[in-house]
Amino acid sequence: MKETIKFYYNVYPEKIYEIDNGYYFYLNDIKYYFIKYERDINETNFLIDITNKLYKRNVLVDTFIKNKDGNFVININNENYVLLRVNSIENDIYNLKDIMYFNNLLISTNNYNISNNWSNLWKKKVDDIENEFNDLNNEYPLLRMSIDYYVGLAENAISYFNDTLIEEDVTSVKINLNHKRIPSITYSGFINNPLNFTLDYEVRDFAEYLKSHFFSNDIDYDYVYEVLTTNIFNKASLRILFARLLYPSYYFDLVKNIFEGNNEEKDVIKYLNRINDYQMFLQDIYNIISKKYSIPVVEWINNV
């Protein structure tokens, strides 16, 4: 791979190091990642534009590097790769307050229409998962035991989200910089990597942070209470937040990884053991939001 990097970029690193999704190396004391680009190729200009805007404002996100032919994406053995320059320290740990500050570094000012994206994406995910299970025999007993519950949870989330679109002015909800997911330990290297970026409703990262940190038992509930009861989010945002908390992205992500051989089926036990706890968590979040706004109740959540 060292020769490939030399050929495409005219750079000559002394050593390169392999990682899960590619390679990294140092050049003049600056770190670079040569990694697989698994985003839609049509999103490339969008991501480059975001990183350039932020970097010009001295926000030290990773930036895309052109190859010798002036292209940002290259294809090797039918897989796309990009070269990213790392512009910040990667091992700082971000808390929820840090993430929300980062979210608001870039707010969309155009009519970025995502009003039904979540609903469509969630429906497709449920359909895909159910189709995969239909093709199996008696494999994955733990997943078979739990799939109906989580599909039901997803359908509740879809319904809650769709009702919000009908009943609230969702154009009042900010669209800002978010990430595809938020891991339970959130390093600055993850936050600043543009391959994780997405423009979305302002509550996306907040919701994903709550879900991942709930299962690692390290939520700062005082700060969560402050966010939910002050004027950071309006009523429409908080209804969208609750819909996303209902949606079990953590479970579906794990199912996908199990099917692809990246996780063992027993890993799902940590979610199954905490079904009741998570319902109580949803009830707590609902009760906090209700101190500020009257939002629809999900009746079954109260029957823990």
Protein backbone atom coordinates (compact mmCIF):
# COMPACT_ATOMS: atom_id res chain seq x y z
CA MET A 1 0.00 0.00 0.00
CA LYS A 2 2.97 2.31 0.52
CA GLU A 3 3.62 2.22 -3.23
CA THR A 4 -0.02 3.00 -3.94
CA ILE A 5 0.12 6.08 -1.72
CA LYS A 6 3.35 7.18 -3.39
CA PHE A 7 1.83 6.70 -6.85
CA TYR A 8 -1.42 8.58 -6.24
CA TYR A 9 -0.20 11.36 -3.95
CA ASN A 10 3.51 11.82 -4.65
CA VAL A 11 4.27 11.49 -0.93
CA TYR A 12 6.82 9.16 0.57
CA PRO A 13 6.04 8.08 4.14
CA GLU A 14 8.72 6.00 5.82
CA LYS A 15 6.19 3.72 7.52
CA ILE A 16 2.50 3.08 7.16
CA TYR A 17 0.32 1.36 9.75
CA GLU A 18 -2.71 -0.78 9.01
CA ILE A 19 -6.01 -0.19 10.81
CA ASP A 20 -9.48 -1.72 10.41
CA ASN A 21 -10.64 0.43 7.52
CA GLY A 22 -7.35 1.44 5.92
CA TYR A 23 -3.97 2.87 6.89
CA TYR A 24 -2.32 5.83 8.55
CA PHE A 25 1.12 7.39 8.36
CA TYR A 26 3.06 10.47 9.42
CA LEU A 27 4.66 13.01 7.12
CA ASN A 28 6.51 16.04 8.50
CA ASP A 29 4.98 15.23 11.92
CA ILE A 30 1.45 15.43 10.53
CA LYS A 31 -0.81 12.39 10.68
CA TYR A 32 -2.74 11.20 7.63
CA TYR A 33 -5.38 8.53 7.14
CA PHE A 34 -5.70 6.64 3.87
CA ILE A 35 -9.00 4.93 4.52
CA LYS A 36 -12.00 3.39 2.83
CA TYR A 37 -14.66 5.83 1.73
CA GLU A 38 -17.95 4.09 2.41
CA ARG A 39 -20.21 7.10 2.03
CA ASP A 40 -22.29 7.67 -1.10
CA ILE A 41 -19.96 9.08 -3.75
CA ASN A 42 -22.50 11.86 -4.35
CA GLU A 43 -21.89 13.12 -0.82
CA THR A 44 -18.21 13.85 -1.46
CA ASN A 45 -18.54 17.50 -2.47
CA PHE A 46 -20.95 18.09 0.43
CA LEU A 47 -18.43 16.73 2.96
CA ILE A 48 -15.51 18.61 1.39
CA ASP A 49 -17.50 21.84 1.47
CA ILE A 50 -18.32 21.37 5.17
CA THR A 51 -14.72 20.63 6.16
CA ASN A 52 -13.37 23.58 4.17
CA LYS A 53 -15.88 25.99 5.72
CA LEU A 54 -15.05 24.82 9.22
CA TYR A 55 -11.28 24.75 8.70
CA LYS A 56 -11.31 28.32 7.35
CA ARG A 57 -12.96 29.27 10.66
CA ASN A 58 -10.10 27.59 12.56
CA VAL A 59 -12.22 24.57 13.50
CA LEU A 60 -9.61 21.82 13.32
CA VAL A 61 -11.58 19.10 11.55
CA ASP A 62 -9.80 16.58 9.35
CA THR A 63 -9.49 17.76 5.75
CA PHE A 64 -9.55 15.94 2.42
CA ILE A 65 -6.38 15.82 0.32
CA LYS A 66 -6.44 15.74 -3.49
CA ASN A 67 -4.39 13.16 -5.32
CA LYS A 68 -1.95 14.03 -8.10
CA ASP A 69 -4.81 14.04 -10.63
CA GLY A 70 -6.86 16.51 -8.62
CA ASN A 71 -9.37 13.93 -7.33
CA PHE A 72 -10.42 13.40 -3.74
CA VAL A 73 -11.60 9.79 -4.12
CA ILE A 74 -9.64 6.97 -5.74
CA ASN A 75 -10.77 3.45 -6.50
CA ILE A 76 -8.55 0.46 -5.74
CA ASN A 77 -9.82 -3.07 -6.41
CA ASN A 78 -13.40 -1.77 -6.58
CA GLU A 79 -13.16 0.01 -3.22
CA ASN A 80 -13.06 3.78 -2.78
CA TYR A 81 -10.41 5.47 -0.63
CA VAL A 82 -9.70 9.00 0.54
CA LEU A 83 -6.70 10.67 2.15
CA LEU A 84 -7.47 12.75 5.24
CA ARG A 85 -5.11 15.12 7.02
CA VAL A 86 -5.53 15.13 10.81
CA ASN A 87 -5.51 18.70 12.09
CA SER A 88 -6.23 18.26 15.80
CA ILE A 89 -5.45 16.10 18.81
CA GLU A 90 -7.43 12.88 18.43
CA ASN A 91 -7.61 11.47 21.95
CA ASP A 92 -9.52 14.17 23.82
CA ILE A 93 -12.81 12.82 25.17
CA TYR A 94 -15.92 14.85 24.32
CA ASN A 95 -18.83 15.09 26.73
CA LEU A 96 -22.39 16.00 25.76
CA LYS A 97 -21.79 19.72 26.22
CA ASP A 98 -18.75 19.55 23.90
CA ILE A 99 -20.74 17.69 21.26
CA MET A 100 -23.62 20.15 21.35
CA TYR A 101 -21.18 23.03 20.97
CA PHE A 102 -19.67 21.30 17.94
CA ASN A 103 -23.15 20.72 16.46
CA ASN A 104 -23.80 24.45 16.38
CA LEU A 105 -20.57 25.34 14.61
CA LEU A 106 -22.44 24.83 11.34
CA ILE A 107 -26.14 25.57 10.99
CA SER A 108 -27.89 25.12 7.66
CA THR A 109 -29.37 28.31 6.24
CA ASN A 110 -30.94 26.78 3.15
CA ASN A 111 -34.08 24.70 2.75
CA TYR A 112 -32.38 21.41 3.53
CA ASN A 113 -35.41 19.14 3.35
CA ILE A 114 -35.16 16.08 5.58
CA SER A 115 -38.73 16.21 6.83
CA ASN A 116 -39.47 12.55 6.15
CA ASN A 117 -36.01 11.02 5.82
CA TRP A 118 -36.02 9.41 9.27
CA SER A 119 -39.38 7.77 8.70
CA ASN A 120 -38.37 6.36 5.32
CA LEU A 121 -34.96 5.19 6.52
CA TRP A 122 -36.40 3.55 9.62
CA LYS A 123 -39.10 1.77 7.59
CA LYS A 124 -36.47 0.49 5.17
CA LYS A 125 -34.26 -0.72 8.02
CA VAL A 126 -37.17 -2.64 9.57
CA ASP A 127 -38.09 -4.18 6.20
CA ASP A 128 -34.47 -5.17 5.51
CA ILE A 129 -34.05 -6.78 8.94
CA GLU A 130 -37.33 -8.70 8.66
CA ASN A 131 -36.41 -9.92 5.15
CA GLU A 132 -33.05 -11.17 6.43
CA PHE A 133 -34.75 -13.11 9.21
CA ASN A 134 -37.19 -14.65 6.73
CA ASP A 135 -34.20 -16.09 4.85
CA LEU A 136 -32.78 -17.78 7.94
CA ASN A 137 -33.63 -21.17 9.41
CA ASN A 138 -33.14 -21.63 13.15
CA GLU A 139 -30.02 -19.51 13.44
CA TYR A 140 -29.62 -16.67 15.95
CA PRO A 141 -32.09 -17.74 18.66
CA LEU A 142 -31.41 -14.65 20.81
CA LEU A 143 -32.16 -12.33 17.90
CA ARG A 144 -35.28 -14.31 17.02
CA MET A 145 -36.44 -13.99 20.61
CA SER A 146 -36.01 -10.20 20.59
CA ILE A 147 -36.69 -9.03 17.04
CA ASP A 148 -40.46 -8.59 17.45
CA TYR A 149 -39.99 -6.30 20.44
CA TYR A 150 -37.48 -4.07 18.67
CA VAL A 151 -39.46 -3.94 15.44
CA GLY A 152 -42.43 -2.84 17.57
CA LEU A 153 -40.25 -0.18 19.19
CA ALA A 154 -39.17 1.06 15.77
CA GLU A 155 -42.76 1.19 14.55
CA ASN A 156 -43.64 3.28 17.61
CA ALA A 157 -40.78 5.64 16.74
CA ILE A 158 -41.95 5.94 13.13
CA SER A 159 -45.51 6.70 14.22
CA TYR A 160 -44.35 9.23 16.82
CA PHE A 161 -42.12 10.97 14.29
CA ASN A 162 -44.81 11.07 11.59
CA ASP A 163 -47.34 12.51 14.04
CA THR A 164 -44.81 15.20 14.93
CA LEU A 165 -44.47 16.17 11.27
CA ILE A 166 -48.24 16.60 11.07
CA GLU A 167 -48.84 18.33 14.39
CA GLU A 168 -45.78 20.58 14.79
CA ASP A 169 -44.00 23.21 12.73
CA VAL A 170 -40.84 21.23 12.08
CA THR A 171 -39.45 24.09 9.96
CA SER A 172 -38.71 25.71 13.34
CA VAL A 173 -36.23 22.91 14.13
CA LYS A 174 -32.63 23.79 13.40
CA ILE A 175 -30.67 21.74 10.91
CA ASN A 176 -27.05 21.59 12.00
CA LEU A 177 -23.89 19.50 11.96
CA ASN A 178 -24.34 16.01 13.42
CA HIS A 179 -22.77 12.57 13.15
CA LYS A 180 -24.03 9.23 11.88
CA ARG A 181 -23.64 7.75 15.36
CA ILE A 182 -22.16 8.77 18.71
CA PRO A 183 -20.10 6.05 20.45
CA SER A 184 -20.14 5.62 24.21
CA ILE A 185 -16.55 6.90 24.43
CA THR A 186 -16.51 9.88 22.11
CA TYR A 187 -13.00 10.90 21.12
CA SER A 188 -12.23 14.15 19.36
CA GLY A 189 -10.76 12.13 16.50
CA PHE A 190 -14.22 10.70 15.86
CA ILE A 191 -15.98 14.06 16.20
CA ASN A 192 -13.61 15.80 13.76
CA ASN A 193 -13.63 13.08 11.11
CA PRO A 194 -15.81 14.29 8.19
CA LEU A 195 -16.68 10.72 7.18
CA ASN A 196 -18.94 10.72 10.26
CA PHE A 197 -20.65 14.05 9.43
CA THR A 198 -24.25 14.59 8.44
CA LEU A 199 -26.57 17.60 8.42
CA ASP A 200 -29.68 16.69 10.36
CA TYR A 201 -32.18 17.81 12.96
CA GLU A 202 -30.35 19.44 15.86
CA VAL A 203 -31.32 16.64 18.29
CA ARG A 204 -29.74 13.75 16.39
CA ASP A 205 -26.39 13.68 18.22
CA PHE A 206 -28.08 14.40 21.53
CA ALA A 207 -30.37 11.40 21.13
CA GLU A 208 -27.62 9.05 19.96
CA TYR A 209 -25.39 10.21 22.82
CA LEU A 210 -28.15 9.42 25.34
CA LYS A 211 -28.70 5.96 23.88
CA SER A 212 -25.04 4.94 23.76
CA HIS A 213 -24.26 6.40 27.18
CA PHE A 214 -27.33 4.87 28.78
CA PHE A 215 -25.93 1.42 28.02
CA SER A 216 -22.51 2.40 29.37
CA ASN A 217 -24.06 3.91 32.53
CA ASP A 218 -22.40 7.31 32.33
CA ILE A 219 -25.05 9.90 31.48
CA ASP A 220 -24.74 13.29 33.13
CA TYR A 221 -28.39 13.53 34.15
CA ASP A 222 -28.01 17.03 35.61
CA TYR A 223 -26.90 18.40 32.27
CA VAL A 224 -29.57 16.41 30.41
CA TYR A 225 -32.21 17.90 32.73
CA GLU A 226 -30.83 21.38 32.06
CA VAL A 227 -30.97 20.88 28.28
CA LEU A 228 -34.49 19.47 28.33
CA THR A 229 -36.00 22.14 30.58
CA THR A 230 -34.38 25.30 29.23
CA ASN A 231 -34.84 26.97 25.85
CA ILE A 232 -32.16 25.07 23.95
CA PHE A 233 -34.77 23.01 22.07
CA ASN A 234 -38.35 23.93 21.21
CA LYS A 235 -41.37 21.63 21.43
CA ALA A 236 -41.00 20.24 17.90
CA SER A 237 -37.32 19.44 18.53
CA LEU A 238 -38.13 17.63 21.76
CA ARG A 239 -40.82 15.53 20.09
CA ILE A 240 -38.32 14.59 17.38
CA LEU A 241 -35.79 13.81 20.10
CA PHE A 242 -38.24 11.47 21.83
CA ALA A 243 -39.01 9.72 18.54
CA ARG A 244 -35.30 9.10 18.01
CA LEU A 245 -34.90 7.79 21.56
CA LEU A 246 -37.70 5.34 20.82
CA TYR A 247 -35.93 4.12 17.68
CA PRO A 248 -33.52 1.26 18.64
CA SER A 249 -30.60 2.14 16.38
CA TYR A 250 -28.24 0.40 18.82
CA TYR A 251 -30.04 -2.93 18.35
CA PHE A 252 -30.30 -2.75 14.55
CA ASP A 253 -26.65 -1.72 14.25
CA LEU A 254 -25.65 -4.74 16.31
CA VAL A 255 -27.87 -7.09 14.27
CA LYS A 256 -26.17 -5.87 11.10
CA ASN A 257 -22.74 -6.44 12.63
CA ILE A 258 -23.74 -9.93 13.80
CA PHE A 259 -24.96 -10.87 10.33
CA GLU A 260 -21.69 -9.54 8.83
CA GLY A 261 -19.58 -11.52 11.32
CA ASN A 262 -18.23 -8.46 13.17
CA ASN A 263 -19.99 -9.30 16.46
CA GLU A 264 -21.12 -12.44 18.23
CA GLU A 265 -24.81 -13.04 18.88
CA LYS A 266 -24.22 -13.08 22.64
CA ASP A 267 -23.38 -9.36 22.43
CA VAL A 268 -27.10 -8.64 22.20
CA ILE A 269 -27.61 -9.82 25.80
CA LYS A 270 -26.53 -6.42 27.16
CA TYR A 271 -29.57 -4.89 25.45
CA LEU A 272 -31.99 -7.69 26.32
CA ASN A 273 -31.06 -7.50 30.00
CA ARG A 274 -31.91 -3.80 30.11
CA ILE A 275 -35.20 -3.63 28.22
CA ASN A 276 -37.13 -2.62 31.36
CA ASP A 277 -34.41 -0.19 32.42
CA TYR A 278 -34.53 1.51 29.04
CA GLN A 279 -38.32 1.81 29.20
CA MET A 280 -37.91 3.48 32.60
CA PHE A 281 -35.31 5.78 31.07
CA LEU A 282 -37.76 6.74 28.31
CA GLN A 283 -40.39 7.40 30.96
CA ASP A 284 -37.94 9.64 32.86
CA ILE A 285 -37.10 11.62 29.72
CA TYR A 286 -40.78 11.98 28.90
CA ASN A 287 -41.52 13.25 32.41
CA ILE A 288 -38.73 15.83 32.22
CA ILE A 289 -39.91 17.11 28.82
CA SER A 290 -43.48 17.26 30.14
CA LYS A 291 -42.39 19.79 32.75
CA LYS A 292 -41.90 22.22 29.87
CA TYR A 293 -44.18 21.03 27.07
CA SER A 294 -47.18 18.78 26.74
CA ILE A 295 -46.14 16.05 24.32
CA PRO A 296 -47.98 12.83 23.37
CA VAL A 297 -47.57 9.94 25.76
CA VAL A 298 -46.61 6.43 24.68
CA GLU A 299 -48.91 4.42 26.94
CA TRP A 300 -47.00 1.14 27.08
CA ILE A 301 -43.87 2.85 28.38
CA ASN A 302 -45.66 3.53 31.66
CA ASN A 303 -46.41 -0.17 32.11
CA VAL A 304 -42.95 -1.19 33.26
